[in-house]
Protein backbone atom coordinates (compact mmCIF):
# COMPACT_ATOMS: atom_id res chain seq x y z
CA MET A 1 0.00 0.00 0.00
CA LYS A 2 1.38 3.37 -0.98
CA ILE A 3 0.90 6.09 1.63
CA ARG A 4 1.39 9.74 0.84
CA LYS A 5 1.45 12.64 3.24
CA GLN A 6 -1.67 14.79 2.96
CA THR A 7 -2.44 18.38 3.79
CA VAL A 8 -5.52 18.44 6.01
CA ALA A 9 -8.20 21.05 5.32
CA TRP A 10 -9.35 22.13 8.78
CA ALA A 11 -10.91 25.51 8.08
CA ALA A 12 -14.41 24.45 7.06
CA LEU A 13 -14.68 22.01 9.92
CA LEU A 14 -13.53 24.56 12.48
CA ALA A 15 -15.97 27.14 11.14
CA GLY A 16 -18.80 24.68 11.72
CA VAL A 17 -17.62 23.97 15.25
CA LEU A 18 -17.42 27.67 16.13
CA ALA A 19 -20.81 28.49 14.60
CA ALA A 20 -22.46 25.62 16.42
CA GLY A 21 -20.80 26.76 19.64
CA ALA A 22 -22.56 30.10 19.37
CA VAL A 23 -25.93 28.39 18.96
CA HIS A 24 -25.55 26.21 22.03
CA ALA A 25 -23.51 28.53 24.23
CA ALA A 26 -26.51 29.16 26.48
CA LEU A 27 -26.64 25.49 27.49
CA ARG A 28 -23.34 25.43 29.40
CA PRO A 29 -24.08 22.24 31.33
CA ASN A 30 -21.71 20.64 33.75
CA ILE A 31 -19.89 17.75 32.06
CA VAL A 32 -18.81 14.53 33.77
CA LEU A 33 -16.79 12.13 31.63
CA VAL A 34 -16.35 8.71 33.24
CA MET A 35 -13.94 6.35 31.50
CA ALA A 36 -13.43 2.71 32.36
CA ASP A 37 -10.14 1.00 31.52
CA ASP A 38 -10.28 -2.04 29.19
CA LEU A 39 -14.04 -2.57 29.55
CA GLY A 40 -15.46 -4.45 26.57
CA TYR A 41 -18.63 -3.65 24.67
CA GLY A 42 -20.34 -6.81 25.90
CA GLY A 43 -19.14 -6.46 29.49
CA VAL A 44 -22.12 -4.46 30.76
CA GLY A 45 -25.76 -5.32 31.26
CA PHE A 46 -27.13 -2.72 28.89
CA ASN A 47 -25.20 -4.42 26.08
CA GLY A 48 -26.29 -7.93 27.00
CA SER A 49 -23.95 -9.19 29.73
CA THR A 50 -25.62 -11.91 31.76
CA LYS A 51 -22.78 -12.69 34.17
CA ILE A 52 -21.68 -9.28 35.45
CA LEU A 53 -23.97 -6.98 37.41
CA THR A 54 -24.03 -3.34 36.27
CA PRO A 55 -27.34 -1.97 37.64
CA HIS A 56 -26.29 1.69 37.79
CA LEU A 57 -25.06 1.77 34.20
CA ASP A 58 -28.11 -0.14 33.04
CA ARG A 59 -30.35 2.44 34.71
CA LEU A 60 -28.34 5.26 33.17
CA ALA A 61 -28.76 3.70 29.73
CA ALA A 62 -32.50 3.13 30.22
CA GLN A 63 -33.00 6.74 31.28
CA GLY A 64 -30.54 8.21 28.79
CA MET A 65 -29.02 7.27 25.44
CA ARG A 66 -26.98 4.27 24.38
CA LEU A 67 -24.42 5.13 21.71
CA ASP A 68 -24.12 1.73 20.08
CA ALA A 69 -21.55 2.75 17.46
CA PHE A 70 -19.18 4.78 19.61
CA TYR A 71 -15.48 4.05 19.17
CA ALA A 72 -12.32 4.44 21.16
CA ALA A 73 -9.45 5.99 19.23
CA SER A 74 -7.17 2.97 19.61
CA SER A 75 -7.13 -0.49 21.11
CA VAL A 76 -4.77 0.54 23.93
CA CYS A 77 -5.09 3.34 26.44
CA GLY A 78 -2.42 5.95 25.65
CA PRO A 79 -3.37 6.84 22.07
CA SER A 80 -7.07 6.63 22.90
CA ARG A 81 -6.73 9.19 25.69
CA ALA A 82 -4.49 11.36 23.53
CA ALA A 83 -7.04 11.45 20.71
CA LEU A 84 -9.68 12.51 23.21
CA MET A 85 -7.55 15.34 24.56
CA PHE A 86 -6.23 16.55 21.18
CA GLY A 87 -9.44 15.96 19.21
CA GLN A 88 -7.51 14.10 16.50
CA HIS A 89 -7.58 10.53 15.22
CA GLY A 90 -4.54 8.27 15.08
CA GLY A 91 -3.52 9.39 11.62
CA HIS A 92 -2.85 12.94 12.85
CA CYS A 93 -2.41 12.85 16.62
CA LYS A 94 1.16 13.16 17.90
CA ILE A 95 0.63 10.26 20.35
CA ARG A 96 -0.31 7.11 18.44
CA GLY A 97 0.91 4.45 20.85
CA ASN A 98 1.64 3.70 24.48
CA PRO A 99 4.89 5.14 25.87
CA THR A 100 8.35 3.69 25.29
CA TRP A 101 7.35 0.17 24.35
CA SER A 102 5.26 1.44 21.44
CA LEU A 103 8.28 2.78 19.54
CA PRO A 104 10.64 0.78 17.33
CA ALA A 105 13.62 -0.39 19.34
CA SER A 106 15.97 0.76 16.61
CA GLN A 107 15.02 4.38 17.21
CA GLY A 108 16.26 4.32 20.78
CA LYS A 109 13.73 6.95 21.79
CA GLY A 110 11.74 7.34 24.96
CA ALA A 111 8.05 8.01 25.27
CA VAL A 112 6.19 10.41 23.03
CA GLU A 113 4.44 12.63 25.54
CA VAL A 114 2.29 15.69 25.78
CA GLU A 115 4.51 18.77 25.70
CA ALA A 116 4.12 22.14 27.39
CA SER A 117 3.16 23.81 24.11
CA ASP A 118 0.27 21.42 23.40
CA ARG A 119 -3.27 22.59 24.03
CA LEU A 120 -5.75 19.99 25.23
CA LEU A 121 -9.49 19.71 25.78
CA PRO A 122 -9.61 20.95 29.40
CA SER A 123 -7.76 24.15 28.54
CA TYR A 124 -10.56 25.18 26.17
CA LEU A 125 -13.18 24.51 28.82
CA GLN A 126 -11.13 26.28 31.46
CA ALA A 127 -10.86 29.34 29.22
CA ALA A 128 -14.64 29.28 28.85
CA GLY A 129 -15.04 29.61 32.62
CA TYR A 130 -15.33 25.96 33.65
CA ALA A 131 -13.68 24.53 36.74
CA THR A 132 -11.81 21.43 35.60
CA GLY A 133 -10.73 18.33 37.50
CA CYS A 134 -8.98 15.10 36.53
CA PHE A 135 -9.34 12.13 38.88
CA GLY A 136 -7.68 8.81 38.12
CA LYS A 137 -5.49 7.54 35.30
CA TRP A 138 -3.94 10.27 33.16
CA GLY A 139 -1.87 8.11 30.82
CA LEU A 140 -0.20 10.89 28.80
CA ASN A 141 2.97 11.49 30.79
CA GLU A 142 5.97 9.52 31.94
CA ASN A 143 7.59 12.44 33.74
CA LEU A 144 6.80 12.85 37.43
CA ALA A 145 7.48 16.58 37.38
CA VAL A 146 4.71 19.16 36.99
CA ASN A 147 5.75 20.12 33.48
CA GLY A 148 5.47 18.74 30.00
CA GLY A 149 2.67 16.23 30.08
CA HIS A 150 1.37 16.75 33.62
CA PRO A 151 -2.40 17.47 33.75
CA ASN A 152 -2.23 20.79 35.64
CA PRO A 153 -0.47 22.91 32.97
CA HIS A 154 -2.88 21.60 30.35
CA GLY A 155 -6.09 22.96 31.80
CA PHE A 156 -6.91 20.90 34.87
CA ASP A 157 -7.39 23.00 38.00
CA GLU A 158 -7.13 19.91 40.19
CA PHE A 159 -5.57 16.51 39.69
CA TRP A 160 -5.81 13.45 41.90
CA GLY A 161 -4.43 10.37 40.24
CA PHE A 162 -1.72 8.38 38.55
CA ASN A 163 0.64 10.46 36.47
CA THR A 164 2.40 7.62 34.63
CA HIS A 165 1.26 4.39 33.03
CA GLY A 166 3.11 2.12 35.43
CA GLU A 167 1.53 3.67 38.52
CA ALA A 168 -1.93 2.92 37.14
CA HIS A 169 -1.25 -0.82 37.00
CA TYR A 170 -1.90 -1.19 40.72
CA HIS A 171 -5.42 -1.04 42.13
CA TRP A 172 -4.15 -0.80 45.72
CA PRO A 173 -1.43 1.88 45.36
CA ASP A 174 0.99 3.03 48.01
CA PHE A 175 0.87 6.59 46.63
CA VAL A 176 -1.03 8.86 44.28
CA TRP A 177 -0.49 12.44 43.12
CA HIS A 178 -2.45 15.48 44.20
CA ASN A 179 -1.33 18.09 41.70
CA ALA A 180 2.45 18.27 42.31
CA GLU A 181 2.33 16.54 45.68
CA LYS A 182 3.07 12.86 46.12
CA VAL A 183 0.54 11.55 48.63
CA GLU A 184 1.66 8.44 50.50
CA LEU A 185 -1.15 6.01 51.29
CA GLY A 186 0.79 3.67 53.56
CA ALA A 187 3.03 0.67 53.19
CA GLY A 188 1.73 -2.36 51.38
CA GLY A 189 -0.17 -0.64 48.63
CA ARG A 190 1.55 -2.46 45.78
CA ASN A 191 1.52 -5.59 47.85
CA TRP A 192 -2.13 -5.89 46.91
CA ARG A 193 -2.87 -8.20 49.83
CA GLY A 194 -2.41 -5.17 52.12
CA LYS A 195 -5.66 -3.73 50.71
CA LEU A 196 -5.31 -0.28 52.24
CA VAL A 197 -6.85 2.09 49.68
CA TYR A 198 -8.63 0.99 46.52
CA ALA A 199 -7.68 3.51 43.86
CA ASP A 200 -11.08 4.00 42.26
CA ASP A 201 -12.69 4.56 45.66
CA LEU A 202 -10.24 7.37 46.31
CA PHE A 203 -10.59 8.96 42.88
CA THR A 204 -14.37 8.85 43.00
CA GLU A 205 -14.42 10.35 46.49
CA LYS A 206 -12.20 13.23 45.34
CA SER A 207 -14.31 13.83 42.25
CA LEU A 208 -17.48 14.01 44.36
CA GLY A 209 -15.84 16.59 46.63
CA PHE A 210 -14.86 18.64 43.60
CA ILE A 211 -18.41 18.47 42.22
CA ALA A 212 -19.88 19.56 45.54
CA ALA A 213 -17.48 22.51 45.81
CA GLN A 214 -18.30 23.76 42.33
CA ALA A 215 -22.03 23.34 42.89
CA ALA A 216 -21.77 25.42 46.07
CA ALA A 217 -19.92 28.12 44.13
CA ARG A 218 -22.41 27.88 41.23
CA GLN A 219 -19.48 27.24 38.93
CA PRO A 220 -19.89 25.12 35.78
CA PHE A 221 -17.46 22.23 35.84
CA PHE A 222 -15.82 19.52 33.78
CA VAL A 223 -14.91 16.36 35.68
CA TYR A 224 -12.83 13.63 34.04
CA LEU A 225 -13.14 10.53 36.23
CA ALA A 226 -10.70 8.06 34.67
CA LEU A 227 -11.27 4.81 36.54
CA VAL A 228 -8.56 2.16 36.65
CA SER A 229 -10.93 -0.82 36.54
CA PRO A 230 -11.23 -3.34 35.03
CA HIS A 231 -7.60 -3.21 33.81
CA LEU A 232 -5.29 -6.04 34.87
CA GLY A 233 -4.45 -7.07 37.66
CA ASN A 234 -7.73 -8.46 38.68
CA SER A 235 -8.49 -7.27 42.20
CA ALA A 236 -11.58 -5.80 43.82
CA PRO A 237 -12.83 -4.92 47.30
CA GLN A 238 -14.25 -7.96 49.07
CA ALA A 239 -17.86 -6.76 49.00
CA TYR A 240 -17.77 -6.71 45.20
CA ARG A 241 -16.00 -10.06 44.94
CA ASP A 242 -18.67 -11.52 47.20
CA LEU A 243 -21.34 -10.72 44.59
CA TYR A 244 -19.91 -13.64 42.61
CA LYS A 245 -18.68 -16.05 45.28
CA ASP A 246 -21.41 -18.69 44.80
CA LYS A 247 -21.48 -18.75 41.01
CA GLY A 248 -19.42 -21.91 40.62
CA TRP A 249 -17.11 -20.23 38.12
CA PRO A 250 -13.70 -21.71 37.28
CA PHE A 251 -11.34 -20.73 40.11
CA LEU A 252 -8.15 -19.15 38.80
CA LYS A 253 -5.35 -18.58 41.27
CA SER A 254 -3.21 -15.48 41.23
CA THR A 255 -0.19 -15.79 38.99
CA PRO A 256 3.14 -14.13 39.79
CA GLY A 257 4.25 -11.29 37.57
CA HIS A 258 3.92 -7.59 36.96
CA PHE A 259 0.18 -7.45 37.64
CA ARG A 260 -1.21 -8.23 41.09
CA HIS A 261 -4.23 -10.52 40.79
CA ASP A 262 -6.46 -11.86 43.54
CA ASP A 263 -7.03 -15.58 43.82
CA GLY A 264 -10.26 -16.26 42.02
CA GLN A 265 -9.50 -13.99 39.10
CA ASN A 266 -12.90 -14.36 37.45
CA GLU A 267 -14.67 -13.22 40.60
CA ALA A 268 -12.15 -10.40 40.99
CA TYR A 269 -12.64 -9.23 37.40
CA ALA A 270 -16.43 -9.22 37.68
CA GLY A 271 -16.06 -7.43 41.02
CA MET A 272 -13.97 -4.72 39.36
CA VAL A 273 -16.65 -4.09 36.74
CA SER A 274 -19.40 -3.98 39.37
CA HIS A 275 -17.28 -1.63 41.47
CA ALA A 276 -16.82 0.71 38.49
CA ASP A 277 -20.59 0.56 38.01
CA ALA A 278 -21.09 1.53 41.64
CA MET A 279 -18.79 4.53 41.20
CA VAL A 280 -21.03 5.75 38.38
CA GLY A 281 -23.96 5.29 40.73
CA LYS A 282 -22.23 7.48 43.33
CA VAL A 283 -21.69 10.23 40.79
CA ARG A 284 -25.33 10.18 39.79
CA ALA A 285 -26.49 10.17 43.40
CA LYS A 286 -24.31 13.19 44.21
CA LEU A 287 -25.64 15.14 41.22
CA GLU A 288 -29.22 14.39 42.29
CA GLU A 289 -28.49 15.22 45.92
CA LEU A 290 -27.09 18.61 44.90
CA GLY A 291 -30.02 19.31 42.59
CA ILE A 292 -27.84 19.76 39.51
CA ALA A 293 -28.54 16.55 37.57
CA GLU A 294 -30.72 18.31 34.99
CA ASN A 295 -27.88 20.67 34.15
CA THR A 296 -25.23 17.94 33.91
CA LEU A 297 -24.23 15.64 31.09
CA VAL A 298 -22.78 12.33 32.31
CA PHE A 299 -20.92 10.50 29.55
CA PHE A 300 -19.63 6.99 30.25
CA THR A 301 -17.31 5.04 27.96
CA SER A 302 -14.17 2.85 27.91
CA ASP A 303 -10.71 3.53 26.51
CA ASN A 304 -10.53 0.33 24.42
CA GLY A 305 -11.75 -3.23 24.20
CA PRO A 306 -11.20 -6.01 26.77
CA GLU A 307 -8.02 -7.85 27.63
CA TRP A 308 -9.69 -10.25 30.09
CA GLY A 309 -12.82 -12.32 29.79
CA ARG A 310 -13.36 -12.43 26.06
CA GLU A 311 -14.27 -16.12 26.22
CA PHE A 312 -15.71 -16.69 29.70
CA PHE A 313 -17.50 -13.34 30.05
CA GLU A 314 -18.04 -12.84 26.30
CA SER A 315 -16.87 -9.30 26.92
CA SER A 316 -16.46 -8.48 23.20
CA LYS A 317 -19.85 -9.90 22.21
CA PRO A 318 -21.28 -9.61 19.56
CA PHE A 319 -17.95 -8.65 18.00
CA THR A 320 -14.58 -10.32 17.55
CA GLY A 321 -11.21 -9.10 18.76
CA GLY A 322 -10.27 -7.21 21.87
CA LYS A 323 -7.45 -5.11 23.21
CA ARG A 324 -4.66 -4.62 20.61
CA SER A 325 -6.99 -5.49 17.75
CA LEU A 326 -8.70 -3.17 15.27
CA ASN A 327 -11.64 -5.48 14.90
CA GLU A 328 -14.83 -4.10 16.40
CA GLY A 329 -14.18 -5.82 19.73
CA GLY A 330 -10.98 -3.85 20.16
CA ILE A 331 -12.33 -0.38 19.46
CA ARG A 332 -16.14 -0.28 19.75
CA VAL A 333 -16.84 0.45 23.40
CA PRO A 334 -19.84 0.50 25.78
CA THR A 335 -21.09 4.08 25.84
CA VAL A 336 -24.03 5.86 27.43
CA ALA A 337 -25.01 9.52 27.77
CA TRP A 338 -27.35 10.74 30.52
CA TRP A 339 -28.72 14.24 30.83
CA PRO A 340 -32.18 14.26 32.39
CA GLY A 341 -34.58 16.69 30.77
CA THR A 342 -32.40 17.04 27.67
CA ILE A 343 -31.60 13.51 26.47
CA ALA A 344 -34.82 11.57 25.99
CA ALA A 345 -34.98 8.31 27.94
CA GLY A 346 -34.41 5.04 26.14
CA ARG A 347 -32.81 6.44 23.01
CA VAL A 348 -30.42 4.26 21.02
CA ALA A 349 -28.07 5.91 18.53
CA ASP A 350 -26.26 3.90 15.87
CA GLU A 351 -24.49 6.82 14.18
CA PRO A 352 -20.71 6.22 14.34
CA PHE A 353 -18.72 8.66 16.46
CA ALA A 354 -15.38 8.38 18.25
CA PHE A 355 -13.16 9.80 20.97
CA TRP A 356 -11.91 12.66 18.82
CA ASP A 357 -15.51 13.94 18.62
CA LEU A 358 -15.65 14.62 22.36
CA LEU A 359 -13.51 17.77 22.18
CA PRO A 360 -15.77 19.68 19.74
CA THR A 361 -18.89 18.28 21.45
CA PHE A 362 -17.90 19.41 24.94
CA CYS A 363 -16.62 22.73 23.64
CA GLU A 364 -19.91 23.41 21.88
CA LEU A 365 -21.85 22.64 25.05
CA ALA A 366 -19.59 24.98 27.03
CA GLY A 367 -19.64 27.77 24.45
CA ALA A 368 -15.89 27.39 24.04
CA ALA A 369 -13.94 28.15 20.88
CA VAL A 370 -11.67 25.48 19.41
CA PRO A 371 -8.64 27.35 17.97
CA ALA A 372 -6.81 24.20 16.91
CA PRO A 373 -7.08 21.48 14.24
CA THR A 374 -9.56 18.72 15.04
CA ASP A 375 -10.80 15.63 13.24
CA GLY A 376 -13.87 15.68 15.45
CA ILE A 377 -17.48 16.56 14.76
CA SER A 378 -19.71 17.82 17.53
CA PHE A 379 -22.61 15.46 18.18
CA VAL A 380 -24.59 17.93 20.29
CA PRO A 381 -27.56 17.66 17.86
CA LEU A 382 -27.58 13.90 18.43
CA LEU A 383 -27.59 14.35 22.21
CA THR A 384 -30.20 17.08 22.34
CA GLY A 385 -32.38 15.96 19.44
CA LYS A 386 -32.21 19.49 18.05
CA GLY A 387 -30.71 20.58 14.74
CA ASN A 388 -29.10 18.63 11.94
CA GLN A 389 -26.38 16.18 12.92
CA PRO A 390 -23.35 16.18 10.57
CA ALA A 391 -21.87 12.76 9.87
CA HIS A 392 -18.31 11.57 9.40
CA GLU A 393 -17.07 10.80 5.94
CA TYR A 394 -14.96 8.11 7.60
CA LEU A 395 -13.33 7.07 10.88
CA PHE A 396 -9.67 5.99 10.92
CA TRP A 397 -7.41 3.94 13.21
CA GLN A 398 -3.71 3.12 13.26
CA PHE A 399 -2.08 0.64 15.64
CA ASN A 400 1.59 -0.31 15.71
CA GLU A 401 2.09 -2.64 18.68
CA LYS A 402 2.39 -6.42 18.79
CA ALA A 403 1.18 -7.79 15.44
CA GLY A 404 1.10 -4.30 13.92
CA PRO A 405 1.20 -2.13 12.14
CA MET A 406 -2.45 -2.33 11.22
CA LEU A 407 -4.88 0.18 9.78
CA ALA A 408 -8.66 0.36 9.78
CA VAL A 409 -11.33 2.64 8.40
CA ARG A 410 -15.11 2.77 8.77
CA PHE A 411 -17.30 4.63 6.28
CA GLY A 412 -21.04 4.17 6.48
CA ALA A 413 -21.65 0.53 7.28
CA TRP A 414 -18.40 -0.56 5.61
CA LYS A 415 -15.31 -1.45 7.63
CA ALA A 416 -11.89 -2.24 6.19
CA ILE A 417 -8.80 -3.58 7.96
CA GLN A 418 -5.29 -3.98 6.58
CA LEU A 419 -2.65 -5.98 8.47
CA TRP A 420 1.09 -6.15 8.07
CA ASN A 421 2.51 -9.33 6.53
CA ARG A 422 5.85 -9.92 8.22
CA LYS A 423 7.04 -12.50 5.69
CA ALA A 424 6.36 -10.20 2.78
CA GLY A 425 7.59 -7.10 4.60
CA SER A 426 4.54 -5.16 3.47
CA PHE A 427 0.83 -4.83 4.07
CA GLY A 428 -1.31 -7.80 3.20
CA PRO A 429 -4.56 -7.59 1.26
CA LEU A 430 -7.29 -5.32 2.55
CA ALA A 431 -10.25 -7.08 4.19
CA LEU A 432 -13.69 -5.51 3.77
CA TYR A 433 -16.78 -6.11 5.92
CA ASP A 434 -20.40 -4.97 5.92
CA LEU A 435 -21.09 -4.26 9.60
CA ARG A 436 -24.86 -4.23 9.09
CA LEU A 437 -24.88 -7.87 8.05
CA ASP A 438 -21.61 -9.03 9.59
CA PRO A 439 -20.79 -7.19 12.85
CA ALA A 440 -18.38 -10.00 13.82
CA GLU A 441 -16.31 -9.33 10.67
CA GLN A 442 -16.29 -12.92 9.44
CA ASN A 443 -16.97 -12.49 5.73
CA ASP A 444 -14.39 -10.61 3.67
CA LEU A 445 -16.18 -8.91 0.77
CA ALA A 446 -13.22 -7.16 -0.84
CA ASP A 447 -13.28 -9.36 -3.94
CA ARG A 448 -17.05 -9.00 -4.37
CA PHE A 449 -17.02 -5.21 -4.02
CA PRO A 450 -13.76 -3.97 -5.59
CA ASP A 451 -15.04 -0.39 -5.93
CA VAL A 452 -15.82 -0.23 -2.21
CA ALA A 453 -12.43 -1.78 -1.40
CA LYS A 454 -10.74 0.89 -3.53
CA GLN A 455 -12.68 3.58 -1.66
CA ALA A 456 -11.42 2.12 1.62
CA LYS A 457 -7.81 2.20 0.39
CA ASP A 458 -8.26 5.80 -0.69
CA TYR A 459 -9.52 6.72 2.78
CA LEU A 460 -6.58 4.95 4.44
CA GLU A 461 -4.18 6.90 2.25
CA LYS A 462 -6.02 10.16 2.87
CA ALA A 463 -6.23 9.78 6.64
CA TRP A 464 -2.66 8.83 7.52
CA VAL A 465 0.00 11.52 7.86
CA ALA A 466 3.59 10.30 8.23
CA ASP A 467 5.18 10.45 11.68
CA PRO A 468 8.74 9.17 12.26
CA ASN A 469 7.80 7.94 15.73
CA TYR A 470 5.04 5.71 14.36
CA PRO A 471 6.16 4.42 10.96
CA LEU A 472 4.14 1.83 9.09
CA ALA A 473 6.58 -0.90 10.03
CA PRO A 474 6.79 -3.52 12.81
CA LEU A 475 8.08 -2.35 16.17
CA ASP A 476 11.10 -4.62 15.95
CA SER A 477 11.95 -3.32 12.49
CA LYS A 478 15.66 -2.64 11.99
């Protein structure tokens, strides 16, 4: 496949974002974005899970809107979160992989991080008068100092969480960060059997305090609650494990290694998902208690598809693939929007949108300008049911890790994937699927529809802009 560097025409798109912002500036709702970590599309009740209990999310979906074709920006966390913050897909965003290990060894480079000069989503909201708080996993910095990629200089008034990727691998941490301060939680945190402070309990508690303070000050706010569950290692507070203790599930002992699992990993994993569900319930309860629910959008999603439970929990169902795959199971994520009085109850949207659409959407709601390139389209008309909703010409993904590189594009109901062939040293043939008839991507139609396959290749070429840190070559390329 021949890839050429393209010049991206942003002006028309930005003009639409700014004009729409003026129309909806009066709304200015509070915005709460809750993100789970590695939660699969089929891992929640409102998408058909029969093994894991998610009553709070199910209620949110029943009383709000399910976005059934909402996509993460990648099948791992770092580039997904970057696309959200920059408002750009993986063909344009400067961060297209996880830190350090996502770069070819031959380059000898460290992590590609957010830099001081970058402007991210919260800075636009902050400039529009919103109080902004980040609670949980940041995932865009490997530098402990309050510079470069730290959340505070990029628009977050308050930060409680994990600054680096490695810190966020432990559900029972021995420290977290409050802005620039390292807060010790006591010995034994990374020895998960100490069970002193469960990270998501702490982050949710801090986010609720922030919400209450802004409500008292009558200040509009943006809260980014980036939960750590249900990422490996599988560990949950006992009360949530006990929900599954009599199920007769296969008992999997903890295995030694980097991640700290509980014995009974299936019960622990399900407990993590139910705990994340309960945190969403706490957020909702606080908004209702403060009397601000009707002026608050709660948006729940996941950063990528599942790593655990794809067979036993059917956590990618009805799709195939999972984390590190560009099949639907790796990038289509469970998503619900709740805004009582504005979003009609029980709505189901099947229009495709993705993480890079959140920046223009939130900015429009806040009446904030977006003075930077974006691949996103505001879906405020979809949420509110008012006005005409623009649609994407296509959605694009790039992934370089493990079996990569791989590329994917969705346009209408068509989805195309192209994988690297290591023996040939080049991309293999493009596979084409009709998601309306084949959501599991089992039947390659490229030979039957050559014109559609050519359109897919044209989109792949159009979307990808060359970046020396993320070449279209295997990571171990010399």
